[in-house]
N, C-alpha and C. Protein backbone atom coordinates (compact mmCIF):
# COMPACT_ATOMS: atom_id res chain seq x y z
N MET A 1 150.52 162.01 49.24
CA MET A 1 151.70 161.15 49.34
C MET A 1 151.40 160.02 50.33
N SER A 2 151.79 158.79 49.97
CA SER A 2 151.51 157.65 50.84
C SER A 2 152.42 157.70 52.06
N LYS A 3 152.00 156.94 53.12
CA LYS A 3 152.77 156.92 54.37
C LYS A 3 154.15 156.34 54.15
N ASP A 4 154.23 155.25 53.36
CA ASP A 4 155.53 154.60 53.11
C ASP A 4 156.49 155.57 52.45
N LYS A 5 155.97 156.32 51.45
CA LYS A 5 156.82 157.28 50.73
C LYS A 5 157.27 158.39 51.68
N HIS A 6 156.33 158.81 52.56
CA HIS A 6 156.66 159.87 53.52
C HIS A 6 157.76 159.41 54.47
N ASP A 7 157.61 158.14 55.00
CA ASP A 7 158.61 157.58 55.92
C ASP A 7 159.96 157.45 55.24
N LYS A 8 159.94 156.99 53.98
CA LYS A 8 161.19 156.82 53.24
C LYS A 8 161.88 158.17 53.05
N LYS A 9 161.05 159.21 52.78
CA LYS A 9 161.60 160.54 52.56
C LYS A 9 162.26 161.06 53.84
N GLU A 10 161.57 160.84 55.01
CA GLU A 10 162.13 161.28 56.28
C GLU A 10 163.41 160.53 56.59
N SER A 11 163.40 159.19 56.35
CA SER A 11 164.58 158.37 56.61
C SER A 11 165.75 158.82 55.75
N LYS A 12 165.47 159.14 54.46
CA LYS A 12 166.51 159.60 53.54
C LYS A 12 167.05 160.95 54.01
N SER A 13 166.14 161.80 54.49
CA SER A 13 166.54 163.12 54.96
C SER A 13 167.48 163.02 56.16
N GLU A 14 167.13 162.09 57.10
CA GLU A 14 167.96 161.89 58.28
C GLU A 14 169.34 161.36 57.89
N LYS A 15 169.35 160.41 56.95
CA LYS A 15 170.63 159.86 56.48
C LYS A 15 171.48 160.94 55.84
N ASP A 16 170.85 161.78 55.01
CA ASP A 16 171.57 162.86 54.35
C ASP A 16 172.16 163.81 55.37
N GLU A 17 171.37 164.12 56.40
CA GLU A 17 171.85 165.03 57.44
C GLU A 17 173.02 164.43 58.19
N PHE A 18 172.89 163.14 58.50
CA PHE A 18 173.97 162.43 59.20
C PHE A 18 175.23 162.40 58.35
N GLN A 19 175.04 162.14 57.04
CA GLN A 19 176.17 162.06 56.12
C GLN A 19 176.85 163.41 55.99
N ILE A 20 176.05 164.47 55.93
CA ILE A 20 176.61 165.82 55.84
C ILE A 20 177.48 166.12 57.06
N THR A 21 176.97 165.68 58.25
CA THR A 21 177.73 165.89 59.49
C THR A 21 179.05 165.14 59.44
N LEU A 22 178.99 163.86 58.97
CA LEU A 22 180.22 163.06 58.87
C LEU A 22 181.20 163.69 57.88
N ASP A 23 180.67 164.12 56.74
CA ASP A 23 181.53 164.74 55.72
C ASP A 23 182.18 166.00 56.27
N PHE A 24 181.37 166.75 57.05
CA PHE A 24 181.89 167.99 57.62
C PHE A 24 183.01 167.69 58.60
N LEU A 25 182.76 166.69 59.45
CA LEU A 25 183.78 166.32 60.43
C LEU A 25 185.03 165.77 59.77
N GLY A 26 184.81 165.07 58.66
CA GLY A 26 185.95 164.49 57.95
C GLY A 26 186.86 165.54 57.37
N THR A 27 186.33 166.71 57.10
CA THR A 27 187.14 167.79 56.52
C THR A 27 187.81 168.63 57.58
N GLN A 28 187.44 168.39 58.84
CA GLN A 28 187.99 169.18 59.94
C GLN A 28 189.17 168.47 60.59
N ASP A 29 189.70 169.19 61.53
CA ASP A 29 190.81 168.66 62.31
C ASP A 29 190.35 167.40 63.06
N PRO A 30 191.14 166.32 63.08
CA PRO A 30 190.77 165.09 63.81
C PRO A 30 190.43 165.34 65.27
N GLU A 31 191.06 166.35 65.85
CA GLU A 31 190.79 166.65 67.27
C GLU A 31 189.35 167.11 67.48
N ILE A 32 188.84 167.86 66.48
CA ILE A 32 187.44 168.29 66.53
C ILE A 32 186.53 167.07 66.49
N HIS A 33 186.90 166.13 65.66
CA HIS A 33 186.11 164.89 65.54
C HIS A 33 186.09 164.14 66.86
N ILE A 34 187.25 164.06 67.52
CA ILE A 34 187.35 163.36 68.81
C ILE A 34 186.50 164.06 69.87
N ASN A 35 186.58 165.39 69.89
CA ASN A 35 185.80 166.17 70.87
C ASN A 35 184.30 165.99 70.65
N TYR A 36 183.90 166.01 69.40
CA TYR A 36 182.48 165.82 69.07
C TYR A 36 182.00 164.44 69.51
N LYS A 37 182.86 163.44 69.25
CA LYS A 37 182.52 162.06 69.64
C LYS A 37 182.35 161.96 71.16
N LYS A 38 183.26 162.64 71.89
CA LYS A 38 183.18 162.60 73.36
C LYS A 38 181.91 163.27 73.85
N ILE A 39 181.57 164.40 73.20
CA ILE A 39 180.33 165.10 73.58
C ILE A 39 179.12 164.20 73.38
N VAL A 40 179.11 163.51 72.24
CA VAL A 40 178.00 162.60 71.94
C VAL A 40 177.95 161.46 72.95
N GLU A 41 179.11 160.88 73.26
CA GLU A 41 179.17 159.77 74.22
C GLU A 41 178.70 160.23 75.61
N ASP A 42 179.15 161.43 75.99
CA ASP A 42 178.72 161.96 77.30
C ASP A 42 177.21 162.17 77.34
N LYS A 43 176.70 162.70 76.22
CA LYS A 43 175.25 162.93 76.13
C LYS A 43 174.49 161.61 76.22
N VAL A 44 175.03 160.59 75.54
CA VAL A 44 174.41 159.26 75.57
C VAL A 44 174.40 158.72 76.99
N GLN A 45 175.53 158.87 77.70
CA GLN A 45 175.61 158.39 79.08
C GLN A 45 174.60 159.11 79.98
N ILE A 46 174.49 160.42 79.76
CA ILE A 46 173.52 161.20 80.55
C ILE A 46 172.09 160.72 80.29
N LEU A 47 171.79 160.51 79.01
CA LEU A 47 170.45 160.04 78.64
C LEU A 47 170.18 158.65 79.19
N GLU A 48 171.20 157.77 79.13
CA GLU A 48 171.04 156.42 79.67
C GLU A 48 170.81 156.47 81.18
N ALA A 49 171.55 157.35 81.86
CA ALA A 49 171.37 157.51 83.31
C ALA A 49 169.97 158.02 83.63
N GLU A 50 169.49 158.98 82.82
CA GLU A 50 168.14 159.51 83.02
C GLU A 50 167.09 158.43 82.79
N ILE A 51 167.32 157.62 81.75
CA ILE A 51 166.39 156.51 81.46
C ILE A 51 166.36 155.53 82.62
N GLU A 52 167.56 155.20 83.15
CA GLU A 52 167.65 154.26 84.28
C GLU A 52 166.95 154.83 85.51
N ALA A 53 167.15 156.14 85.74
CA ALA A 53 166.50 156.79 86.88
C ALA A 53 164.98 156.77 86.73
N LEU A 54 164.51 156.99 85.50
CA LEU A 54 163.07 156.94 85.23
C LEU A 54 162.51 155.55 85.45
N LYS A 55 163.30 154.54 85.03
CA LYS A 55 162.88 153.15 85.24
C LYS A 55 162.73 152.85 86.73
N ILE A 56 163.74 153.29 87.51
CA ILE A 56 163.69 153.08 88.97
C ILE A 56 162.50 153.82 89.58
N GLN A 57 162.28 155.05 89.11
CA GLN A 57 161.16 155.85 89.60
C GLN A 57 159.82 155.18 89.29
N LEU A 58 159.70 154.67 88.06
CA LEU A 58 158.47 153.99 87.66
C LEU A 58 158.25 152.73 88.47
N THR A 59 159.35 151.98 88.70
CA THR A 59 159.25 150.75 89.51
C THR A 59 158.81 151.08 90.93
N THR A 60 159.42 152.14 91.50
CA THR A 60 159.06 152.56 92.86
C THR A 60 157.60 153.00 92.93
N GLN A 61 157.19 153.80 91.95
CA GLN A 61 155.80 154.28 91.92
C GLN A 61 154.82 153.12 91.77
N LYS A 62 155.22 152.14 90.95
CA LYS A 62 154.37 150.96 90.76
C LYS A 62 154.22 150.18 92.05
N GLN A 63 155.36 149.99 92.76
CA GLN A 63 155.33 149.27 94.04
C GLN A 63 154.48 150.02 95.06
N GLU A 64 154.67 151.34 95.12
CA GLU A 64 153.89 152.16 96.06
C GLU A 64 152.40 152.09 95.75
N ALA A 65 152.09 152.13 94.45
CA ALA A 65 150.68 152.05 94.03
C ALA A 65 150.07 150.70 94.40
N GLU A 66 150.87 149.63 94.20
CA GLU A 66 150.39 148.28 94.54
C GLU A 66 150.18 148.15 96.05
N GLU A 67 151.14 148.70 96.84
CA GLU A 67 151.01 148.65 98.30
C GLU A 67 149.80 149.44 98.77
N GLU A 68 149.60 150.62 98.18
CA GLU A 68 148.45 151.46 98.53
C GLU A 68 147.15 150.76 98.16
N ASN A 69 147.17 150.09 97.03
CA ASN A 69 145.99 149.34 96.58
C ASN A 69 145.66 148.21 97.55
N LEU A 70 146.71 147.50 97.99
CA LEU A 70 146.52 146.40 98.95
C LEU A 70 145.98 146.93 100.28
N LYS A 71 146.51 148.10 100.71
CA LYS A 71 146.03 148.71 101.96
C LYS A 71 144.55 149.09 101.84
N ASN A 72 144.20 149.67 100.69
CA ASN A 72 142.80 150.06 100.48
C ASN A 72 141.88 148.85 100.45
N ILE A 73 142.35 147.77 99.81
CA ILE A 73 141.56 146.53 99.77
C ILE A 73 141.37 146.00 101.19
N ALA A 74 142.47 146.01 101.99
CA ALA A 74 142.40 145.53 103.37
C ALA A 74 141.43 146.38 104.20
N LYS A 75 141.47 147.72 103.99
CA LYS A 75 140.55 148.61 104.71
C LYS A 75 139.09 148.31 104.36
N ILE A 76 138.85 148.12 103.06
CA ILE A 76 137.49 147.83 102.60
C ILE A 76 137.01 146.51 103.18
N GLN A 77 137.90 145.50 103.17
CA GLN A 77 137.54 144.19 103.72
C GLN A 77 137.25 144.28 105.21
N THR A 78 138.07 145.07 105.93
CA THR A 78 137.86 145.25 107.38
C THR A 78 136.52 145.94 107.65
N MET A 79 136.24 147.00 106.88
CA MET A 79 134.97 147.71 107.03
C MET A 79 133.78 146.80 106.72
N ALA A 80 133.92 146.00 105.67
CA ALA A 80 132.84 145.08 105.29
C ALA A 80 132.62 144.03 106.37
N ARG A 81 133.75 143.52 106.95
CA ARG A 81 133.63 142.52 108.00
C ARG A 81 132.97 143.10 109.25
N ARG A 82 133.40 144.31 109.63
CA ARG A 82 132.81 144.96 110.80
C ARG A 82 131.32 145.23 110.59
N HIS A 83 131.00 145.69 109.40
CA HIS A 83 129.59 145.97 109.08
C HIS A 83 128.77 144.69 109.17
N SER A 84 129.34 143.60 108.63
CA SER A 84 128.65 142.31 108.67
C SER A 84 128.48 141.83 110.11
N GLU A 85 129.54 142.02 110.93
CA GLU A 85 129.49 141.60 112.34
C GLU A 85 128.45 142.42 113.10
N GLU A 86 128.39 143.72 112.81
CA GLU A 86 127.41 144.59 113.48
C GLU A 86 125.98 144.18 113.13
N ILE A 87 125.76 143.87 111.85
CA ILE A 87 124.42 143.44 111.42
C ILE A 87 124.07 142.11 112.09
N SER A 88 125.06 141.19 112.11
CA SER A 88 124.84 139.88 112.73
C SER A 88 124.54 140.03 114.22
N SER A 89 125.29 140.93 114.89
CA SER A 89 125.08 141.16 116.32
C SER A 89 123.70 141.77 116.59
N MET A 90 123.30 142.70 115.72
CA MET A 90 121.97 143.32 115.88
C MET A 90 120.87 142.29 115.72
N ARG A 91 121.04 141.41 114.73
CA ARG A 91 120.04 140.36 114.52
C ARG A 91 120.01 139.38 115.69
N LYS A 92 121.22 139.09 116.21
CA LYS A 92 121.35 138.09 117.26
C LYS A 92 120.88 138.60 118.62
N TYR A 93 121.27 139.85 118.94
CA TYR A 93 121.00 140.36 120.28
C TYR A 93 120.02 141.54 120.30
N GLY A 94 119.42 141.82 119.16
CA GLY A 94 118.49 142.96 119.08
C GLY A 94 117.29 142.82 120.00
N GLY A 95 116.92 141.59 120.34
CA GLY A 95 115.75 141.36 121.19
C GLY A 95 116.06 141.22 122.66
N THR A 96 117.27 141.63 123.07
CA THR A 96 117.69 141.46 124.47
C THR A 96 116.73 142.13 125.45
N LYS A 97 116.40 143.39 125.20
CA LYS A 97 115.51 144.14 126.12
C LYS A 97 114.14 143.49 126.20
N LEU A 98 113.61 143.07 125.05
CA LEU A 98 112.30 142.42 125.03
C LEU A 98 112.36 141.11 125.82
N ALA A 99 113.44 140.36 125.63
CA ALA A 99 113.60 139.08 126.34
C ALA A 99 113.63 139.31 127.85
N GLU A 100 114.38 140.32 128.30
CA GLU A 100 114.44 140.63 129.73
C GLU A 100 113.05 140.97 130.27
N ASP A 101 112.31 141.78 129.52
CA ASP A 101 110.98 142.21 129.97
C ASP A 101 110.00 141.03 130.04
N ILE A 102 110.19 140.04 129.17
CA ILE A 102 109.30 138.87 129.17
C ILE A 102 109.71 137.88 130.25
N LEU A 103 111.03 137.70 130.44
CA LEU A 103 111.52 136.68 131.36
C LEU A 103 111.19 136.98 132.82
N ARG A 104 111.20 138.24 133.20
CA ARG A 104 110.93 138.58 134.60
C ARG A 104 109.52 138.14 135.04
N PRO A 105 108.47 138.49 134.30
CA PRO A 105 107.14 138.02 134.71
C PRO A 105 106.98 136.50 134.60
N ILE A 106 107.66 135.88 133.60
CA ILE A 106 107.59 134.42 133.48
C ILE A 106 108.19 133.77 134.72
N ASP A 107 109.34 134.30 135.15
CA ASP A 107 110.01 133.74 136.32
C ASP A 107 109.14 133.92 137.57
N LEU A 108 108.50 135.06 137.68
CA LEU A 108 107.60 135.32 138.81
C LEU A 108 106.39 134.39 138.76
N PHE A 109 105.87 134.19 137.57
CA PHE A 109 104.72 133.31 137.37
C PHE A 109 105.07 131.88 137.78
N LYS A 110 106.30 131.44 137.45
CA LYS A 110 106.73 130.09 137.80
C LYS A 110 106.81 129.91 139.32
N LYS A 111 107.23 130.97 140.01
CA LYS A 111 107.29 130.91 141.47
C LYS A 111 105.89 130.73 142.05
N VAL A 112 104.94 131.46 141.49
CA VAL A 112 103.55 131.34 141.94
C VAL A 112 103.04 129.92 141.72
N LEU A 113 103.35 129.35 140.56
CA LEU A 113 102.89 128.00 140.24
C LEU A 113 103.52 126.95 141.14
N ASN A 114 104.70 127.26 141.71
CA ASN A 114 105.36 126.31 142.61
C ASN A 114 104.88 126.42 144.05
N SER A 115 104.04 127.40 144.30
CA SER A 115 103.52 127.55 145.66
C SER A 115 102.42 126.52 145.91
N PRO A 116 102.26 126.06 147.17
CA PRO A 116 101.26 125.03 147.46
C PRO A 116 99.83 125.56 147.32
N VAL A 117 98.94 124.70 146.80
CA VAL A 117 97.52 125.05 146.68
C VAL A 117 96.68 123.91 147.25
N SER A 118 95.55 124.25 147.79
CA SER A 118 94.68 123.24 148.41
C SER A 118 93.46 122.95 147.55
N SER A 119 93.05 123.90 146.73
CA SER A 119 91.83 123.74 145.94
C SER A 119 92.13 123.02 144.63
N ASP A 120 91.30 121.98 144.33
CA ASP A 120 91.45 121.25 143.07
C ASP A 120 91.17 122.15 141.87
N GLU A 121 90.23 123.07 142.04
CA GLU A 121 89.90 123.98 140.94
C GLU A 121 91.11 124.85 140.58
N ILE A 122 91.80 125.33 141.63
CA ILE A 122 92.99 126.16 141.39
C ILE A 122 94.11 125.32 140.78
N LYS A 123 94.21 124.05 141.23
CA LYS A 123 95.22 123.14 140.68
C LYS A 123 95.03 122.98 139.17
N ASN A 124 93.78 122.87 138.75
CA ASN A 124 93.49 122.73 137.32
C ASN A 124 93.92 123.99 136.54
N TYR A 125 93.68 125.14 137.16
CA TYR A 125 94.15 126.38 136.54
C TYR A 125 95.67 126.38 136.42
N PHE A 126 96.32 125.92 137.49
CA PHE A 126 97.78 125.87 137.51
C PHE A 126 98.33 124.97 136.41
N ILE A 127 97.65 123.86 136.18
CA ILE A 127 98.08 122.93 135.11
C ILE A 127 98.03 123.63 133.76
N GLY A 128 96.94 124.37 133.55
CA GLY A 128 96.81 125.12 132.29
C GLY A 128 97.88 126.20 132.16
N PHE A 129 98.14 126.89 133.27
CA PHE A 129 99.17 127.93 133.26
C PHE A 129 100.56 127.35 132.99
N GLU A 130 100.82 126.18 133.57
CA GLU A 130 102.11 125.51 133.36
C GLU A 130 102.32 125.17 131.88
N MET A 131 101.25 124.74 131.23
CA MET A 131 101.33 124.43 129.80
C MET A 131 101.68 125.69 128.99
N VAL A 132 101.04 126.80 129.37
CA VAL A 132 101.32 128.07 128.68
C VAL A 132 102.77 128.49 128.90
N ILE A 133 103.23 128.36 130.16
CA ILE A 133 104.62 128.72 130.49
C ILE A 133 105.60 127.87 129.67
N LYS A 134 105.33 126.57 129.55
CA LYS A 134 106.22 125.68 128.79
C LYS A 134 106.26 126.08 127.32
N GLN A 135 105.12 126.46 126.78
CA GLN A 135 105.08 126.91 125.38
C GLN A 135 105.90 128.19 125.20
N MET A 136 105.78 129.09 126.18
CA MET A 136 106.55 130.34 126.11
C MET A 136 108.05 130.06 126.22
N GLU A 137 108.42 129.16 127.13
CA GLU A 137 109.83 128.80 127.29
C GLU A 137 110.38 128.14 126.02
N HIS A 138 109.57 127.32 125.39
CA HIS A 138 109.98 126.67 124.15
C HIS A 138 110.21 127.72 123.06
N ALA A 139 109.32 128.71 122.99
CA ALA A 139 109.47 129.78 122.00
C ALA A 139 110.74 130.59 122.26
N LEU A 140 111.03 130.82 123.54
CA LEU A 140 112.25 131.55 123.90
C LEU A 140 113.50 130.75 123.52
N GLU A 141 113.47 129.44 123.79
CA GLU A 141 114.59 128.57 123.43
C GLU A 141 114.83 128.55 121.93
N GLU A 142 113.74 128.58 121.17
CA GLU A 142 113.86 128.59 119.70
C GLU A 142 114.55 129.87 119.22
N ASN A 143 114.52 130.90 120.05
CA ASN A 143 115.16 132.17 119.69
C ASN A 143 116.46 132.41 120.46
N GLY A 144 117.06 131.33 120.95
CA GLY A 144 118.40 131.40 121.54
C GLY A 144 118.46 131.69 123.02
N ILE A 145 117.31 131.73 123.71
CA ILE A 145 117.31 132.03 125.14
C ILE A 145 117.30 130.74 125.94
N GLN A 146 118.30 130.60 126.81
CA GLN A 146 118.43 129.40 127.63
C GLN A 146 118.53 129.79 129.10
N GLN A 147 117.91 128.96 129.95
CA GLN A 147 118.02 129.20 131.39
C GLN A 147 119.40 128.75 131.85
N ILE A 148 120.03 129.55 132.71
CA ILE A 148 121.33 129.17 133.28
C ILE A 148 121.09 128.15 134.39
N GLN A 149 121.74 127.01 134.26
CA GLN A 149 121.56 125.95 135.25
C GLN A 149 122.37 126.28 136.51
N VAL A 150 121.66 126.44 137.62
CA VAL A 150 122.30 126.74 138.91
C VAL A 150 121.85 125.69 139.91
N ASN A 151 122.82 125.06 140.56
CA ASN A 151 122.51 124.02 141.55
C ASN A 151 122.98 124.47 142.93
N ILE A 152 122.24 124.05 143.93
CA ILE A 152 122.65 124.31 145.31
C ILE A 152 124.01 123.64 145.53
N GLY A 153 124.94 124.39 146.10
CA GLY A 153 126.28 123.85 146.32
C GLY A 153 127.28 124.29 145.26
N ASP A 154 126.79 124.85 144.15
CA ASP A 154 127.71 125.38 143.13
C ASP A 154 128.53 126.54 143.70
N GLN A 155 129.73 126.71 143.17
CA GLN A 155 130.56 127.84 143.58
C GLN A 155 130.03 129.11 142.93
N PHE A 156 129.97 130.17 143.70
CA PHE A 156 129.48 131.45 143.19
C PHE A 156 130.37 131.94 142.05
N ASP A 157 129.75 132.33 140.94
CA ASP A 157 130.46 132.86 139.77
C ASP A 157 129.83 134.20 139.39
N PRO A 158 130.56 135.29 139.61
CA PRO A 158 129.98 136.62 139.34
C PRO A 158 129.61 136.85 137.87
N LEU A 159 130.11 136.01 136.98
CA LEU A 159 129.77 136.15 135.57
C LEU A 159 128.34 135.73 135.27
N ILE A 160 127.82 134.80 136.09
CA ILE A 160 126.46 134.32 135.85
C ILE A 160 125.55 134.43 137.08
N HIS A 161 126.14 134.71 138.25
CA HIS A 161 125.35 134.81 139.48
C HIS A 161 125.37 136.23 140.03
N ASN A 162 124.30 136.56 140.72
CA ASN A 162 124.21 137.83 141.44
C ASN A 162 123.90 137.51 142.90
N GLY A 163 124.87 137.83 143.78
CA GLY A 163 124.70 137.49 145.20
C GLY A 163 123.70 138.41 145.87
N ASN A 164 122.53 137.86 146.19
CA ASN A 164 121.48 138.65 146.83
C ASN A 164 121.76 138.82 148.32
N GLU A 165 122.38 137.77 148.89
CA GLU A 165 122.58 137.78 150.34
C GLU A 165 123.65 136.74 150.70
N THR A 166 124.44 137.03 151.73
CA THR A 166 125.38 136.04 152.26
C THR A 166 124.85 135.57 153.61
N VAL A 167 124.93 134.26 153.82
CA VAL A 167 124.36 133.68 155.05
C VAL A 167 125.37 132.74 155.70
N GLU A 168 125.25 132.63 157.03
CA GLU A 168 126.07 131.66 157.77
C GLU A 168 125.58 130.25 157.44
N SER A 169 126.53 129.32 157.25
CA SER A 169 126.13 127.96 156.93
C SER A 169 127.19 126.98 157.42
N GLU A 170 126.73 125.92 158.09
CA GLU A 170 127.63 124.85 158.50
C GLU A 170 127.69 123.76 157.43
N GLU A 171 126.66 123.73 156.59
CA GLU A 171 126.56 122.69 155.55
C GLU A 171 127.41 123.03 154.32
N PHE A 172 127.53 124.32 154.01
CA PHE A 172 128.22 124.73 152.78
C PHE A 172 129.49 125.53 153.11
N LYS A 173 130.45 125.43 152.19
CA LYS A 173 131.70 126.19 152.34
C LYS A 173 131.49 127.63 151.87
N THR A 174 132.40 128.48 152.28
CA THR A 174 132.34 129.89 151.87
C THR A 174 132.35 130.00 150.34
N GLY A 175 131.40 130.79 149.83
CA GLY A 175 131.34 130.99 148.38
C GLY A 175 130.42 130.03 147.66
N GLN A 176 129.89 129.03 148.38
CA GLN A 176 128.95 128.10 147.74
C GLN A 176 127.53 128.66 147.80
N ILE A 177 126.75 128.30 146.79
CA ILE A 177 125.36 128.76 146.71
C ILE A 177 124.49 127.91 147.62
N VAL A 178 123.72 128.58 148.48
CA VAL A 178 122.86 127.86 149.42
C VAL A 178 121.39 127.94 149.01
N ALA A 179 121.04 128.91 148.15
CA ALA A 179 119.65 129.03 147.68
C ALA A 179 119.60 129.84 146.39
N VAL A 180 118.63 129.48 145.54
CA VAL A 180 118.42 130.20 144.28
C VAL A 180 117.14 131.02 144.42
N ILE A 181 117.26 132.33 144.34
CA ILE A 181 116.11 133.22 144.48
C ILE A 181 115.35 133.34 143.16
N SER A 182 116.10 133.56 142.08
CA SER A 182 115.47 133.62 140.75
C SER A 182 116.47 133.12 139.71
N ASN A 183 115.93 132.58 138.63
CA ASN A 183 116.76 131.99 137.59
C ASN A 183 117.49 133.05 136.77
N GLY A 184 118.60 132.62 136.17
CA GLY A 184 119.34 133.48 135.25
C GLY A 184 119.15 132.96 133.83
N TYR A 185 119.39 133.81 132.85
CA TYR A 185 119.18 133.42 131.45
C TYR A 185 120.30 133.97 130.56
N LYS A 186 120.53 133.22 129.47
CA LYS A 186 121.48 133.63 128.44
C LYS A 186 120.76 133.78 127.11
N LEU A 187 121.18 134.76 126.35
CA LEU A 187 120.76 134.88 124.95
C LEU A 187 121.97 134.46 124.13
N TYR A 188 121.90 133.22 123.63
CA TYR A 188 123.06 132.57 123.02
C TYR A 188 124.15 132.51 124.09
N GLU A 189 125.34 133.11 123.84
CA GLU A 189 126.41 133.01 124.85
C GLU A 189 126.45 134.22 125.78
N ARG A 190 125.55 135.18 125.60
CA ARG A 190 125.56 136.40 126.40
C ARG A 190 124.56 136.30 127.55
N VAL A 191 125.05 136.60 128.77
CA VAL A 191 124.17 136.60 129.94
C VAL A 191 123.30 137.85 129.90
N ILE A 192 121.99 137.65 129.91
CA ILE A 192 121.08 138.81 129.89
C ILE A 192 120.39 138.99 131.25
N MET A 193 120.38 137.91 132.06
CA MET A 193 119.86 138.00 133.43
C MET A 193 120.69 137.10 134.32
N HIS A 194 121.33 137.68 135.34
CA HIS A 194 122.10 136.87 136.28
C HIS A 194 121.15 136.13 137.22
N ALA A 195 121.56 134.93 137.59
CA ALA A 195 120.77 134.18 138.57
C ALA A 195 120.95 134.83 139.94
N LEU A 196 119.84 135.07 140.61
CA LEU A 196 119.88 135.71 141.93
C LEU A 196 120.00 134.61 142.98
N VAL A 197 121.08 134.66 143.80
CA VAL A 197 121.36 133.55 144.72
C VAL A 197 121.75 134.05 146.10
N LYS A 198 121.64 133.12 147.07
CA LYS A 198 122.19 133.35 148.41
C LYS A 198 123.48 132.54 148.51
N VAL A 199 124.49 133.14 149.14
CA VAL A 199 125.83 132.53 149.17
C VAL A 199 126.28 132.35 150.62
N ALA A 200 126.95 131.22 150.86
CA ALA A 200 127.47 130.95 152.21
C ALA A 200 128.69 131.82 152.47
N LYS A 201 128.80 132.26 153.74
CA LYS A 201 129.99 133.06 154.10
C LYS A 201 130.79 132.38 155.22
């Protein structure tokens, strides 16, 4: 049997059943008909209320699902950003310890080169050493390491200075730097070595 014929048969069957019900009610007391109608109307109202409640429930569930989805997206984005920042920080500051270990002997070497010499032969060696030091400093600068500029008379700043000693001074005010013992350095914006200074008291 084809689908159309099957559907028509079902439709005819439903109509026949409905008609039988109407015919039955028509033969009964009108009050029975009224009661049956009220029962049907009440049932319809109940079903409509249930449908409306389901619609509200579905809308609420949809909103909750969307909110949860947005929260999950935000969490994933936050985790991805933190991960990216951590990787960036590791790349940027991963060489801090190595830089510190290299800078200390370089700074000491520079002090030696600034000491007075009398021999021309030693002076020639010093010139060669100075060239090597400059090349090393250039390589460090290329990798984000900069010397902190400290001038005599600057106000002491604990963020970039380390007070080695406080001294009496008539020339400088309290808290001003009177001598630089060793240079300080930054790796990008982070201080990796404080400048060692003497401060007036």
